[in-house]
Amino acid sequence: MRVIQASSFGLLLSFTVASVALAQGGAVVTPPIVNWSYVGHSSTAGEGYLRGSAAVIQSAGQANYLNSIAAVNYQEATRKLIENHDLYVRNAIQSREMVHEFRERYRPSAPTPEEWQRVTEASLPDRLTSDQFDPITGKLIWPHILRTDEYRAFRERVDAIVSNRTPDNSGNGSPSQRELASLIDGMKMLLKSNINSVTLSQYASAKWFLKSVDYEAQFPLQSLPATTDAGASDLFH
């Protein structure tokens, strides 16, 4: 009886050691487990007892073995999950850095203050020239398109304001400038309503003249020009 118990204990120990050794390795596919005996029946009662005891011991060893395999597979799956998450985060950060680097590399450089000033000056209308303003009489020389009767009321009032400007009533924000701006806006609207009756160049020339008058009115009148050849812009300096 002691021999049987010793044999059973040895068999259990061997299965346990084998299970631990396999659990320390990588994840494996479990091979099919077969009984230690290929005989399908017992010949005696004693043999049947021994077979039953061996089956109990074998089942315990198999359970330990399969549990160890499951533990290894679980840990391996956890490790893969962590690695995949880490790879996802790294790729996301790398993609953002690449996009940021691309935008920084091909982003147009901000214009310098000098460039801004040149752009601003280029967008401003021209000041009135001697061909557009008579500094002796103080009268504007209107384009032919704006000399028609439909613009007469606007034109006469603008002429009166321009000719009667004074240093105290001139410049941006002055009463004369504000009234001139309102009159110029009215003439622009009237010109736009008549766009079909003039050519494109006539319309552009008349509109640019009105912008120049409006822009010129923003400069304060300081003194009359000494000569008539300097240009009408000297009227306000």
C-alpha atoms as a PDB file:
ATOM      1  CA  MET A   1       0.000   0.000   0.000  1.00  0.00           C
ATOM      2  CA  ARG A   2       2.864   2.349   0.811  1.00  0.00           C
ATOM      3  CA  VAL A   3       4.428   1.506  -2.536  1.00  0.00           C
ATOM      4  CA  ILE A   4       1.213   2.517  -4.264  1.00  0.00           C
ATOM      5  CA  GLN A   5       1.041   5.808  -2.350  1.00  0.00           C
ATOM      6  CA  ALA A   6       4.696   6.550  -3.087  1.00  0.00           C
ATOM      7  CA  SER A   7       4.150   5.837  -6.766  1.00  0.00           C
ATOM      8  CA  SER A   8       1.069   8.039  -6.811  1.00  0.00           C
ATOM      9  CA  PHE A   9       2.907  10.879  -5.047  1.00  0.00           C
ATOM     10  CA  GLY A  10       5.795  10.619  -7.467  1.00  0.00           C
ATOM     11  CA  LEU A  11       3.459  10.754 -10.425  1.00  0.00           C
ATOM     12  CA  LEU A  12       1.707  13.821  -8.976  1.00  0.00           C
ATOM     13  CA  LEU A  13       5.030  15.513  -8.303  1.00  0.00           C
ATOM     14  CA  SER A  14       6.229  14.895 -11.836  1.00  0.00           C
ATOM     15  CA  PHE A  15       3.080  16.414 -13.302  1.00  0.00           C
ATOM     16  CA  THR A  16       3.361  19.452 -11.016  1.00  0.00           C
ATOM     17  CA  VAL A  17       7.016  20.078 -11.886  1.00  0.00           C
ATOM     18  CA  ALA A  18       6.259  19.726 -15.574  1.00  0.00           C
ATOM     19  CA  SER A  19       3.384  22.180 -15.235  1.00  0.00           C
ATOM     20  CA  VAL A  20       5.573  24.787 -13.513  1.00  0.00           C
ATOM     21  CA  ALA A  21       8.327  24.385 -16.080  1.00  0.00           C
ATOM     22  CA  LEU A  22       5.913  24.895 -18.948  1.00  0.00           C
ATOM     23  CA  ALA A  23       4.283  27.878 -17.235  1.00  0.00           C
ATOM     24  CA  GLN A  24       7.631  29.700 -17.109  1.00  0.00           C
ATOM     25  CA  GLY A  25       7.990  29.545 -20.883  1.00  0.00           C
ATOM     26  CA  GLY A  26       6.059  31.404 -23.566  1.00  0.00           C
ATOM     27  CA  ALA A  27       2.478  30.801 -24.515  1.00  0.00           C
ATOM     28  CA  VAL A  28       2.101  27.440 -26.194  1.00  0.00           C
ATOM     29  CA  VAL A  29      -0.656  25.406 -27.747  1.00  0.00           C
ATOM     30  CA  THR A  30      -1.625  22.618 -25.384  1.00  0.00           C
ATOM     31  CA  PRO A  31      -1.060  19.170 -26.918  1.00  0.00           C
ATOM     32  CA  PRO A  32      -3.763  16.572 -26.455  1.00  0.00           C
ATOM     33  CA  ILE A  33      -3.529  14.803 -23.068  1.00  0.00           C
ATOM     34  CA  VAL A  34      -3.952  11.047 -23.025  1.00  0.00           C
ATOM     35  CA  ASN A  35      -4.069   8.574 -20.174  1.00  0.00           C
ATOM     36  CA  TRP A  36      -0.812   6.928 -19.113  1.00  0.00           C
ATOM     37  CA  SER A  37      -2.298   3.583 -20.004  1.00  0.00           C
ATOM     38  CA  TYR A  38      -3.772   2.546 -23.327  1.00  0.00           C
ATOM     39  CA  VAL A  39      -5.716  -0.308 -21.825  1.00  0.00           C
ATOM     40  CA  GLY A  40      -9.384   0.494 -21.683  1.00  0.00           C
ATOM     41  CA  HIS A  41     -10.316  -1.710 -18.684  1.00  0.00           C
ATOM     42  CA  SER A  42      -9.030  -3.231 -15.462  1.00  0.00           C
ATOM     43  CA  SER A  43      -8.300  -6.902 -15.081  1.00  0.00           C
ATOM     44  CA  THR A  44      -8.500  -7.010 -11.271  1.00  0.00           C
ATOM     45  CA  ALA A  45     -10.031  -5.027  -8.427  1.00  0.00           C
ATOM     46  CA  GLY A  46      -6.611  -3.875  -7.300  1.00  0.00           C
ATOM     47  CA  GLU A  47      -5.744  -2.673 -10.736  1.00  0.00           C
ATOM     48  CA  GLY A  48      -9.046  -0.824 -10.912  1.00  0.00           C
ATOM     49  CA  TYR A  49      -8.266   0.893  -7.622  1.00  0.00           C
ATOM     50  CA  LEU A  50      -4.845   1.888  -8.828  1.00  0.00           C
ATOM     51  CA  ARG A  51      -6.250   3.133 -12.112  1.00  0.00           C
ATOM     52  CA  GLY A  52      -8.804   5.290 -10.277  1.00  0.00           C
ATOM     53  CA  SER A  53      -6.158   6.726  -7.945  1.00  0.00           C
ATOM     54  CA  ALA A  54      -3.889   7.483 -10.877  1.00  0.00           C
ATOM     55  CA  ALA A  55      -6.737   9.176 -12.753  1.00  0.00           C
ATOM     56  CA  VAL A  56      -7.419  11.457  -9.766  1.00  0.00           C
ATOM     57  CA  ILE A  57      -3.761  12.379  -9.501  1.00  0.00           C
ATOM     58  CA  GLN A  58      -3.534  12.873 -13.251  1.00  0.00           C
ATOM     59  CA  SER A  59      -6.557  15.185 -13.301  1.00  0.00           C
ATOM     60  CA  ALA A  60      -5.019  17.364 -10.588  1.00  0.00           C
ATOM     61  CA  GLY A  61      -1.782  17.605 -12.530  1.00  0.00           C
ATOM     62  CA  GLN A  62      -3.608  18.373 -15.742  1.00  0.00           C
ATOM     63  CA  ALA A  63      -5.590  21.091 -13.985  1.00  0.00           C
ATOM     64  CA  ASN A  64      -2.394  22.676 -12.689  1.00  0.00           C
ATOM     65  CA  TYR A  65      -0.829  22.435 -16.105  1.00  0.00           C
ATOM     66  CA  LEU A  66      -3.782  23.981 -17.922  1.00  0.00           C
ATOM     67  CA  ASN A  67      -4.116  26.713 -15.289  1.00  0.00           C
ATOM     68  CA  SER A  68      -0.469  27.609 -15.763  1.00  0.00           C
ATOM     69  CA  ILE A  69      -0.941  27.766 -19.528  1.00  0.00           C
ATOM     70  CA  ALA A  70      -3.975  30.018 -19.061  1.00  0.00           C
ATOM     71  CA  ALA A  71      -2.028  32.294 -16.701  1.00  0.00           C
ATOM     72  CA  VAL A  72       0.824  32.590 -19.187  1.00  0.00           C
ATOM     73  CA  ASN A  73      -1.566  33.346 -22.030  1.00  0.00           C
ATOM     74  CA  TYR A  74      -3.372  35.961 -19.941  1.00  0.00           C
ATOM     75  CA  GLN A  75      -0.126  37.708 -19.054  1.00  0.00           C
ATOM     76  CA  GLU A  76       0.980  37.594 -22.680  1.00  0.00           C
ATOM     77  CA  ALA A  77      -2.322  39.099 -23.816  1.00  0.00           C
ATOM     78  CA  THR A  78      -1.971  41.853 -21.196  1.00  0.00           C
ATOM     79  CA  ARG A  79       1.552  42.607 -22.380  1.00  0.00           C
ATOM     80  CA  LYS A  80       0.404  42.810 -25.992  1.00  0.00           C
ATOM     81  CA  LEU A  81      -2.431  45.136 -24.986  1.00  0.00           C
ATOM     82  CA  ILE A  82       0.004  47.470 -23.226  1.00  0.00           C
ATOM     83  CA  GLU A  83       2.391  47.402 -26.182  1.00  0.00           C
ATOM     84  CA  ASN A  84      -0.421  48.171 -28.624  1.00  0.00           C
ATOM     85  CA  HIS A  85      -1.642  51.079 -26.504  1.00  0.00           C
ATOM     86  CA  ASP A  86       1.887  52.443 -26.212  1.00  0.00           C
ATOM     87  CA  LEU A  87       2.358  52.132 -29.979  1.00  0.00           C
ATOM     88  CA  TYR A  88      -0.946  53.929 -30.592  1.00  0.00           C
ATOM     89  CA  VAL A  89       0.061  56.831 -28.337  1.00  0.00           C
ATOM     90  CA  ARG A  90       3.501  57.080 -29.946  1.00  0.00           C
ATOM     91  CA  ASN A  91       2.023  57.119 -33.445  1.00  0.00           C
ATOM     92  CA  ALA A  92      -0.539  59.756 -32.478  1.00  0.00           C
ATOM     93  CA  ILE A  93       2.149  62.021 -31.011  1.00  0.00           C
ATOM     94  CA  GLN A  94       4.420  61.475 -33.994  1.00  0.00           C
ATOM     95  CA  SER A  95       1.606  62.312 -36.406  1.00  0.00           C
ATOM     96  CA  ARG A  96       0.849  65.556 -34.568  1.00  0.00           C
ATOM     97  CA  GLU A  97       4.512  66.520 -34.573  1.00  0.00           C
ATOM     98  CA  MET A  98       4.753  65.813 -38.305  1.00  0.00           C
ATOM     99  CA  VAL A  99       1.685  67.946 -39.026  1.00  0.00           C
ATOM    100  CA  HIS A 100       3.040  70.768 -36.846  1.00  0.00           C
ATOM    101  CA  GLU A 101       6.452  70.565 -38.522  1.00  0.00           C
ATOM    102  CA  PHE A 102       4.842  70.593 -41.976  1.00  0.00           C
ATOM    103  CA  ARG A 103       2.755  73.665 -41.145  1.00  0.00           C
ATOM    104  CA  GLU A 104       5.730  75.485 -39.660  1.00  0.00           C
ATOM    105  CA  ARG A 105       7.878  74.695 -42.677  1.00  0.00           C
ATOM    106  CA  TYR A 106       5.392  75.819 -45.326  1.00  0.00           C
ATOM    107  CA  ARG A 107       3.569  78.541 -43.402  1.00  0.00           C
ATOM    108  CA  PRO A 108       4.000  81.903 -45.123  1.00  0.00           C
ATOM    109  CA  SER A 109       6.128  84.266 -43.128  1.00  0.00           C
ATOM    110  CA  ALA A 110       4.402  87.188 -41.458  1.00  0.00           C
ATOM    111  CA  PRO A 111       4.915  90.482 -43.282  1.00  0.00           C
ATOM    112  CA  THR A 112       7.269  92.958 -41.707  1.00  0.00           C
ATOM    113  CA  PRO A 113       6.033  96.393 -40.560  1.00  0.00           C
ATOM    114  CA  GLU A 114       7.648  97.906 -43.649  1.00  0.00           C
ATOM    115  CA  GLU A 115       5.778  95.478 -45.897  1.00  0.00           C
ATOM    116  CA  TRP A 116       2.506  96.231 -44.114  1.00  0.00           C
ATOM    117  CA  GLN A 117       3.114  99.926 -44.615  1.00  0.00           C
ATOM    118  CA  ARG A 118       3.774  99.465 -48.332  1.00  0.00           C
ATOM    119  CA  VAL A 119       0.605  97.376 -48.713  1.00  0.00           C
ATOM    120  CA  THR A 120      -1.450  99.950 -46.830  1.00  0.00           C
ATOM    121  CA  GLU A 121      -0.078 102.816 -48.865  1.00  0.00           C
ATOM    122  CA  ALA A 122      -0.685 100.926 -52.109  1.00  0.00           C
ATOM    123  CA  SER A 123      -4.337 100.371 -51.162  1.00  0.00           C
ATOM    124  CA  LEU A 124      -4.966 104.066 -50.518  1.00  0.00           C
ATOM    125  CA  PRO A 125      -6.355 106.228 -53.315  1.00  0.00           C
ATOM    126  CA  ASP A 126      -4.216 108.897 -54.900  1.00  0.00           C
ATOM    127  CA  ARG A 127      -4.378 112.462 -53.708  1.00  0.00           C
ATOM    128  CA  LEU A 128      -5.749 115.061 -56.085  1.00  0.00           C
ATOM    129  CA  THR A 129      -3.369 116.368 -58.720  1.00  0.00           C
ATOM    130  CA  SER A 130      -3.240 119.732 -60.461  1.00  0.00           C
ATOM    131  CA  ASP A 131      -5.254 118.197 -63.293  1.00  0.00           C
ATOM    132  CA  GLN A 132      -8.081 117.440 -60.862  1.00  0.00           C
ATOM    133  CA  PHE A 133      -8.049 120.514 -58.648  1.00  0.00           C
ATOM    134  CA  ASP A 134      -7.456 124.185 -59.404  1.00  0.00           C
ATOM    135  CA  PRO A 135      -5.783 125.722 -56.360  1.00  0.00           C
ATOM    136  CA  ILE A 136      -6.332 129.272 -57.663  1.00  0.00           C
ATOM    137  CA  THR A 137     -10.097 129.083 -57.958  1.00  0.00           C
ATOM    138  CA  GLY A 138     -10.556 126.342 -55.379  1.00  0.00           C
ATOM    139  CA  LYS A 139     -12.665 124.358 -57.806  1.00  0.00           C
ATOM    140  CA  LEU A 140     -12.540 120.663 -58.552  1.00  0.00           C
ATOM    141  CA  ILE A 141     -12.073 119.630 -62.183  1.00  0.00           C
ATOM    142  CA  TRP A 142     -14.683 116.929 -62.467  1.00  0.00           C
ATOM    143  CA  PRO A 143     -14.577 114.039 -64.947  1.00  0.00           C
ATOM    144  CA  HIS A 144     -17.032 114.413 -67.819  1.00  0.00           C
ATOM    145  CA  ILE A 145     -19.205 111.580 -66.492  1.00  0.00           C
ATOM    146  CA  LEU A 146     -19.821 113.518 -63.260  1.00  0.00           C
ATOM    147  CA  ARG A 147     -20.563 116.824 -65.005  1.00  0.00           C
ATOM    148  CA  THR A 148     -24.082 115.808 -66.087  1.00  0.00           C
ATOM    149  CA  ASP A 149     -27.169 117.417 -64.593  1.00  0.00           C
ATOM    150  CA  GLU A 150     -28.072 114.426 -62.428  1.00  0.00           C
ATOM    151  CA  TYR A 151     -24.910 115.014 -60.369  1.00  0.00           C
ATOM    152  CA  ARG A 152     -25.303 118.810 -60.257  1.00  0.00           C
ATOM    153  CA  ALA A 153     -26.718 119.083 -56.742  1.00  0.00           C
ATOM    154  CA  PHE A 154     -23.966 116.911 -55.293  1.00  0.00           C
ATOM    155  CA  ARG A 155     -21.288 118.565 -57.394  1.00  0.00           C
ATOM    156  CA  GLU A 156     -22.209 122.159 -56.471  1.00  0.00           C
ATOM    157  CA  ARG A 157     -22.328 121.379 -52.762  1.00  0.00           C
ATOM    158  CA  VAL A 158     -18.956 119.606 -52.875  1.00  0.00           C
ATOM    159  CA  ASP A 159     -17.412 122.552 -54.733  1.00  0.00           C
ATOM    160  CA  ALA A 160     -18.768 124.974 -52.142  1.00  0.00           C
ATOM    161  CA  ILE A 161     -17.391 122.988 -49.208  1.00  0.00           C
ATOM    162  CA  VAL A 162     -13.959 122.493 -50.790  1.00  0.00           C
ATOM    163  CA  SER A 163     -13.576 126.154 -51.756  1.00  0.00           C
ATOM    164  CA  ASN A 164     -14.666 127.393 -48.313  1.00  0.00           C
ATOM    165  CA  ARG A 165     -12.477 125.098 -46.214  1.00  0.00           C
ATOM    166  CA  THR A 166     -10.372 126.692 -43.494  1.00  0.00           C
ATOM    167  CA  PRO A 167      -7.549 125.350 -41.332  1.00  0.00           C
ATOM    168  CA  ASP A 168     -10.023 125.129 -38.430  1.00  0.00           C
ATOM    169  CA  ASN A 169     -12.652 123.362 -40.513  1.00  0.00           C
ATOM    170  CA  SER A 170     -10.632 120.783 -42.417  1.00  0.00           C
ATOM    171  CA  GLY A 171      -8.975 117.428 -41.860  1.00  0.00           C
ATOM    172  CA  ASN A 172     -10.237 114.054 -40.764  1.00  0.00           C
ATOM    173  CA  GLY A 173     -13.260 114.343 -38.454  1.00  0.00           C
ATOM    174  CA  SER A 174     -13.965 118.003 -39.162  1.00  0.00           C
ATOM    175  CA  PRO A 175     -17.505 119.111 -40.105  1.00  0.00           C
ATOM    176  CA  SER A 176     -16.460 119.766 -43.694  1.00  0.00           C
ATOM    177  CA  GLN A 177     -14.819 116.341 -44.000  1.00  0.00           C
ATOM    178  CA  ARG A 178     -17.826 114.510 -42.601  1.00  0.00           C
ATOM    179  CA  GLU A 179     -20.234 116.317 -44.933  1.00  0.00           C
ATOM    180  CA  LEU A 180     -17.955 115.716 -47.896  1.00  0.00           C
ATOM    181  CA  ALA A 181     -17.781 112.010 -47.062  1.00  0.00           C
ATOM    182  CA  SER A 182     -21.584 111.819 -46.995  1.00  0.00           C
ATOM    183  CA  LEU A 183     -21.891 113.645 -50.313  1.00  0.00           C
ATOM    184  CA  ILE A 184     -19.235 111.469 -51.954  1.00  0.00           C
ATOM    185  CA  ASP A 185     -21.075 108.325 -50.805  1.00  0.00           C
ATOM    186  CA  GLY A 186     -24.259 109.657 -52.410  1.00  0.00           C
ATOM    187  CA  MET A 187     -22.447 110.327 -55.675  1.00  0.00           C
ATOM    188  CA  LYS A 188     -20.958 106.816 -55.635  1.00  0.00           C
ATOM    189  CA  MET A 189     -24.406 105.296 -55.224  1.00  0.00           C
ATOM    190  CA  LEU A 190     -25.781 107.414 -58.065  1.00  0.00           C
ATOM    191  CA  LEU A 191     -22.822 106.499 -60.262  1.00  0.00           C
ATOM    192  CA  LYS A 192     -23.362 102.815 -59.550  1.00  0.00           C
ATOM    193  CA  SER A 193     -27.022 103.077 -60.522  1.00  0.00           C
ATOM    194  CA  ASN A 194     -25.927 104.506 -63.893  1.00  0.00           C
ATOM    195  CA  ILE A 195     -23.261 101.892 -64.537  1.00  0.00           C
ATOM    196  CA  ASN A 196     -25.072 100.551 -67.600  1.00  0.00           C
ATOM    197  CA  SER A 197     -24.976 103.948 -69.301  1.00  0.00           C
ATOM    198  CA  VAL A 198     -21.183 104.396 -69.152  1.00  0.00           C
ATOM    199  CA  THR A 199     -18.200 102.362 -70.207  1.00  0.00           C
ATOM    200  CA  LEU A 200     -16.118 100.397 -67.745  1.00  0.00           C
ATOM    201  CA  SER A 201     -13.166 102.769 -68.002  1.00  0.00           C
ATOM    202  CA  GLN A 202     -15.430 105.821 -67.539  1.00  0.00           C
ATOM    203  CA  TYR A 203     -17.006 104.267 -64.464  1.00  0.00           C
ATOM    204  CA  ALA A 204     -13.617 103.331 -62.980  1.00  0.00           C
ATOM    205  CA  SER A 205     -12.175 106.789 -63.631  1.00  0.00           C
ATOM    206  CA  ALA A 206     -15.142 108.582 -62.063  1.00  0.00           C
ATOM    207  CA  LYS A 207     -15.188 106.305 -59.029  1.00  0.00           C
ATOM    208  CA  TRP A 208     -11.451 106.719 -58.464  1.00  0.00           C
ATOM    209  CA  PHE A 209     -11.838 110.505 -58.662  1.00  0.00           C
ATOM    210  CA  LEU A 210     -14.510 110.419 -55.971  1.00  0.00           C
ATOM    211  CA  LYS A 211     -12.251 108.287 -53.770  1.00  0.00           C
ATOM    212  CA  SER A 212      -9.430 110.782 -54.241  1.00  0.00           C
ATOM    213  CA  VAL A 213     -11.681 113.688 -53.248  1.00  0.00           C
ATOM    214  CA  ASP A 214     -12.813 111.803 -50.151  1.00  0.00           C
ATOM    215  CA  TYR A 215      -9.215 110.911 -49.262  1.00  0.00           C
ATOM    216  CA  GLU A 216      -7.960 114.460 -49.875  1.00  0.00           C
ATOM    217  CA  ALA A 217     -10.591 115.858 -47.517  1.00  0.00           C
ATOM    218  CA  GLN A 218      -9.013 113.928 -44.647  1.00  0.00           C
ATOM    219  CA  PHE A 219      -5.904 116.122 -44.760  1.00  0.00           C
ATOM    220  CA  PRO A 220      -6.096 119.452 -42.901  1.00  0.00           C
ATOM    221  CA  LEU A 221      -5.779 122.707 -44.803  1.00  0.00           C
ATOM    222  CA  GLN A 222      -2.691 124.593 -43.670  1.00  0.00           C
ATOM    223  CA  SER A 223      -1.873 127.175 -46.281  1.00  0.00           C
ATOM    224  CA  LEU A 224      -2.424 127.944 -49.924  1.00  0.00           C
ATOM    225  CA  PRO A 225       0.272 126.688 -52.284  1.00  0.00           C
ATOM    226  CA  ALA A 226       2.834 129.199 -53.536  1.00  0.00           C
ATOM    227  CA  THR A 227       2.631 127.984 -57.140  1.00  0.00           C
ATOM    228  CA  THR A 228       0.089 126.218 -59.267  1.00  0.00           C
ATOM    229  CA  ASP A 229       2.501 123.533 -60.496  1.00  0.00           C
ATOM    230  CA  ALA A 230       2.987 121.705 -57.216  1.00  0.00           C
ATOM    231  CA  GLY A 231      -0.260 119.741 -57.393  1.00  0.00           C
ATOM    232  CA  ALA A 232      -3.514 120.030 -55.540  1.00  0.00           C
ATOM    233  CA  SER A 233      -2.260 117.918 -52.636  1.00  0.00           C
ATOM    234  CA  ASP A 234      -0.196 120.922 -51.481  1.00  0.00           C
ATOM    235  CA  LEU A 235      -3.444 122.696 -50.707  1.00  0.00           C
ATOM    236  CA  PHE A 236      -3.690 120.791 -47.443  1.00  0.00           C
ATOM    237  CA  HIS A 237      -0.060 121.226 -46.319  1.00  0.00           C
END
